[in-house]
Amino acid sequence: MKSLKLNFRGRKFLNILTILLVLLAQRKLLQSSNPSMTRE
């Protein structure tokens, strides 16, 4: 039971990590395609 809970938590963490990586990649692509639009 404990290992199952840990596995679930690890999966959730991996999902969040994947989403963050995708968002970062999209941001980088946007910045490289139009740098004037996404200037901070």
PDB file of N, CA and C in Angstrom:
ATOM      1  N   MET A   1       0.831  -1.200   0.000  1.00  0.00           N
ATOM      2  CA  MET A   1       0.000   0.000   0.000  1.00  0.00           C
ATOM      3  C   MET A   1       0.874   1.263   0.000  1.00  0.00           C
ATOM      4  N   LYS A   2       1.916   1.236   0.854  1.00  0.00           N
ATOM      5  CA  LYS A   2       2.790   2.413   0.917  1.00  0.00           C
ATOM      6  C   LYS A   2       3.498   2.655  -0.425  1.00  0.00           C
ATOM      7  N   SER A   3       3.981   1.571  -1.019  1.00  0.00           N
ATOM      8  CA  SER A   3       4.698   1.708  -2.287  1.00  0.00           C
ATOM      9  C   SER A   3       3.770   2.222  -3.391  1.00  0.00           C
ATOM     10  N   LEU A   4       2.500   1.834  -3.330  1.00  0.00           N
ATOM     11  CA  LEU A   4       1.532   2.295  -4.317  1.00  0.00           C
ATOM     12  C   LEU A   4       1.343   3.807  -4.216  1.00  0.00           C
ATOM     13  N   LYS A   5       1.226   4.278  -2.983  1.00  0.00           N
ATOM     14  CA  LYS A   5       1.056   5.720  -2.773  1.00  0.00           C
ATOM     15  C   LYS A   5       2.276   6.480  -3.277  1.00  0.00           C
ATOM     16  N   LEU A   6       3.453   5.942  -2.990  1.00  0.00           N
ATOM     17  CA  LEU A   6       4.686   6.587  -3.416  1.00  0.00           C
ATOM     18  C   LEU A   6       4.757   6.630  -4.944  1.00  0.00           C
ATOM     19  N   ASN A   7       4.362   5.524  -5.580  1.00  0.00           N
ATOM     20  CA  ASN A   7       4.377   5.465  -7.041  1.00  0.00           C
ATOM     21  C   ASN A   7       3.439   6.511  -7.625  1.00  0.00           C
ATOM     22  N   PHE A   8       2.275   6.676  -7.006  1.00  0.00           N
ATOM     23  CA  PHE A   8       1.308   7.660  -7.477  1.00  0.00           C
ATOM     24  C   PHE A   8       1.879   9.065  -7.354  1.00  0.00           C
ATOM     25  N   ARG A   9       2.503   9.335  -6.231  1.00  0.00           N
ATOM     26  CA  ARG A   9       3.100  10.659  -6.017  1.00  0.00           C
ATOM     27  C   ARG A   9       4.214  10.915  -7.029  1.00  0.00           C
ATOM     28  N   GLY A  10       5.019   9.895  -7.276  1.00  0.00           N
ATOM     29  CA  GLY A  10       6.101  10.024  -8.249  1.00  0.00           C
ATOM     30  C   GLY A  10       5.561  10.284  -9.645  1.00  0.00           C
ATOM     31  N   ARG A  11       4.461   9.626  -9.992  1.00  0.00           N
ATOM     32  CA  ARG A  11       3.840   9.842 -11.302  1.00  0.00           C
ATOM     33  C   ARG A  11       3.349  11.271 -11.429  1.00  0.00           C
ATOM     34  N   LYS A  12       2.715  11.759 -10.344  1.00  0.00           N
ATOM     35  CA  LYS A  12       2.214  13.132 -10.347  1.00  0.00           C
ATOM     36  C   LYS A  12       3.373  14.104 -10.552  1.00  0.00           C
ATOM     37  N   PHE A  13       4.459  13.862  -9.847  1.00  0.00           N
ATOM     38  CA  PHE A  13       5.643  14.716  -9.955  1.00  0.00           C
ATOM     39  C   PHE A  13       6.204  14.699 -11.380  1.00  0.00           C
ATOM     40  N   LEU A  14       6.260  13.511 -11.979  1.00  0.00           N
ATOM     41  CA  LEU A  14       6.760  13.389 -13.350  1.00  0.00           C
ATOM     42  C   LEU A  14       5.856  14.135 -14.319  1.00  0.00           C
ATOM     43  N   ASN A  15       4.540  14.033 -14.109  1.00  0.00           N
ATOM     44  CA  ASN A  15       3.601  14.746 -14.976  1.00  0.00           C
ATOM     45  C   ASN A  15       3.825  16.247 -14.899  1.00  0.00           C
ATOM     46  N   ILE A  16       3.971  16.765 -13.690  1.00  0.00           N
ATOM     47  CA  ILE A  16       4.207  18.199 -13.511  1.00  0.00           C
ATOM     48  C   ILE A  16       5.514  18.609 -14.188  1.00  0.00           C
ATOM     49  N   LEU A  17       6.541  17.787 -14.013  1.00  0.00           N
ATOM     50  CA  LEU A  17       7.840  18.078 -14.607  1.00  0.00           C
ATOM     51  C   LEU A  17       7.738  18.127 -16.132  1.00  0.00           C
ATOM     52  N   THR A  18       7.013  17.160 -16.710  1.00  0.00           N
ATOM     53  CA  THR A  18       6.852  17.113 -18.156  1.00  0.00           C
ATOM     54  C   THR A  18       6.134  18.354 -18.662  1.00  0.00           C
ATOM     55  N   ILE A  19       5.058  18.741 -17.960  1.00  0.00           N
ATOM     56  CA  ILE A  19       4.302  19.933 -18.361  1.00  0.00           C
ATOM     57  C   ILE A  19       5.199  21.168 -18.322  1.00  0.00           C
ATOM     58  N   LEU A  20       5.997  21.283 -17.260  1.00  0.00           N
ATOM     59  CA  LEU A  20       6.899  22.438 -17.138  1.00  0.00           C
ATOM     60  C   LEU A  20       7.903  22.459 -18.281  1.00  0.00           C
ATOM     61  N   LEU A  21       8.444  21.309 -18.618  1.00  0.00           N
ATOM     62  CA  LEU A  21       9.410  21.240 -19.714  1.00  0.00           C
ATOM     63  C   LEU A  21       8.777  21.644 -21.036  1.00  0.00           C
ATOM     64  N   VAL A  22       7.542  21.188 -21.278  1.00  0.00           N
ATOM     65  CA  VAL A  22       6.840  21.531 -22.512  1.00  0.00           C
ATOM     66  C   VAL A  22       6.594  23.036 -22.579  1.00  0.00           C
ATOM     67  N   LEU A  23       6.145  23.607 -21.460  1.00  0.00           N
ATOM     68  CA  LEU A  23       5.900  25.056 -21.419  1.00  0.00           C
ATOM     69  C   LEU A  23       7.184  25.829 -21.689  1.00  0.00           C
ATOM     70  N   LEU A  24       8.280  25.382 -21.093  1.00  0.00           N
ATOM     71  CA  LEU A  24       9.568  26.039 -21.309  1.00  0.00           C
ATOM     72  C   LEU A  24       9.986  25.967 -22.776  1.00  0.00           C
ATOM     73  N   ALA A  25       9.816  24.803 -23.375  1.00  0.00           N
ATOM     74  CA  ALA A  25      10.178  24.629 -24.784  1.00  0.00           C
ATOM     75  C   ALA A  25       9.337  25.548 -25.674  1.00  0.00           C
ATOM     76  N   GLN A  26       8.036  25.623 -25.397  1.00  0.00           N
ATOM     77  CA  GLN A  26       7.159  26.491 -26.181  1.00  0.00           C
ATOM     78  C   GLN A  26       7.593  27.946 -26.045  1.00  0.00           C
ATOM     79  N   ARG A  27       7.926  28.350 -24.819  1.00  0.00           N
ATOM     80  CA  ARG A  27       8.374  29.728 -24.579  1.00  0.00           C
ATOM     81  C   ARG A  27       9.635  30.026 -25.374  1.00  0.00           C
ATOM     82  N   LYS A  28      10.571  29.103 -25.355  1.00  0.00           N
ATOM     83  CA  LYS A  28      11.827  29.297 -26.087  1.00  0.00           C
ATOM     84  C   LYS A  28      11.559  29.400 -27.583  1.00  0.00           C
ATOM     85  N   LEU A  29      10.669  28.560 -28.093  1.00  0.00           N
ATOM     86  CA  LEU A  29      10.326  28.603 -29.503  1.00  0.00           C
ATOM     87  C   LEU A  29       9.690  29.940 -29.868  1.00  0.00           C
ATOM     88  N   LEU A  30       8.777  30.403 -29.017  1.00  0.00           N
ATOM     89  CA  LEU A  30       8.129  31.693 -29.249  1.00  0.00           C
ATOM     90  C   LEU A  30       9.147  32.822 -29.247  1.00  0.00           C
ATOM     91  N   GLN A  31      10.065  32.775 -28.294  1.00  0.00           N
ATOM     92  CA  GLN A  31      11.071  33.826 -28.192  1.00  0.00           C
ATOM     93  C   GLN A  31      11.985  33.832 -29.414  1.00  0.00           C
ATOM     94  N   SER A  32      12.321  32.649 -29.911  1.00  0.00           N
ATOM     95  CA  SER A  32      13.219  32.584 -31.067  1.00  0.00           C
ATOM     96  C   SER A  32      12.497  32.990 -32.352  1.00  0.00           C
ATOM     97  N   SER A  33      11.173  32.738 -32.423  1.00  0.00           N
ATOM     98  CA  SER A  33      10.434  33.110 -33.636  1.00  0.00           C
ATOM     99  C   SER A  33      10.088  34.594 -33.670  1.00  0.00           C
ATOM    100  N   ASN A  34       9.547  35.153 -32.570  1.00  0.00           N
ATOM    101  CA  ASN A  34       9.397  36.610 -32.500  1.00  0.00           C
ATOM    102  C   ASN A  34       9.900  37.157 -31.188  1.00  0.00           C
ATOM    103  N   PRO A  35      11.144  37.578 -31.168  1.00  0.00           N
ATOM    104  CA  PRO A  35      11.753  38.103 -29.946  1.00  0.00           C
ATOM    105  C   PRO A  35      11.150  39.434 -29.501  1.00  0.00           C
ATOM    106  N   SER A  36      10.611  40.201 -30.448  1.00  0.00           N
ATOM    107  CA  SER A  36      10.056  41.516 -30.095  1.00  0.00           C
ATOM    108  C   SER A  36       8.742  41.369 -29.318  1.00  0.00           C
ATOM    109  N   MET A  37       8.018  40.271 -29.554  1.00  0.00           N
ATOM    110  CA  MET A  37       6.726  40.075 -28.894  1.00  0.00           C
ATOM    111  C   MET A  37       6.896  39.605 -27.449  1.00  0.00           C
ATOM    112  N   THR A  38       7.857  38.745 -27.199  1.00  0.00           N
ATOM    113  CA  THR A  38       7.987  38.145 -25.870  1.00  0.00           C
ATOM    114  C   THR A  38       9.144  38.749 -25.093  1.00  0.00           C
ATOM    115  N   ARG A  39       9.433  40.001 -25.338  1.00  0.00           N
ATOM    116  CA  ARG A  39      10.527  40.646 -24.597  1.00  0.00           C
ATOM    117  C   ARG A  39      10.063  40.989 -23.185  1.00  0.00           C
ATOM    118  N   GLU A  40      10.894  40.672 -22.195  1.00  0.00           N
ATOM    119  CA  GLU A  40      10.489  40.937 -20.797  1.00  0.00           C
ATOM    120  C   GLU A  40      11.391  41.999 -20.185  1.00  0.00           C
TER     121      GLU A  40
END
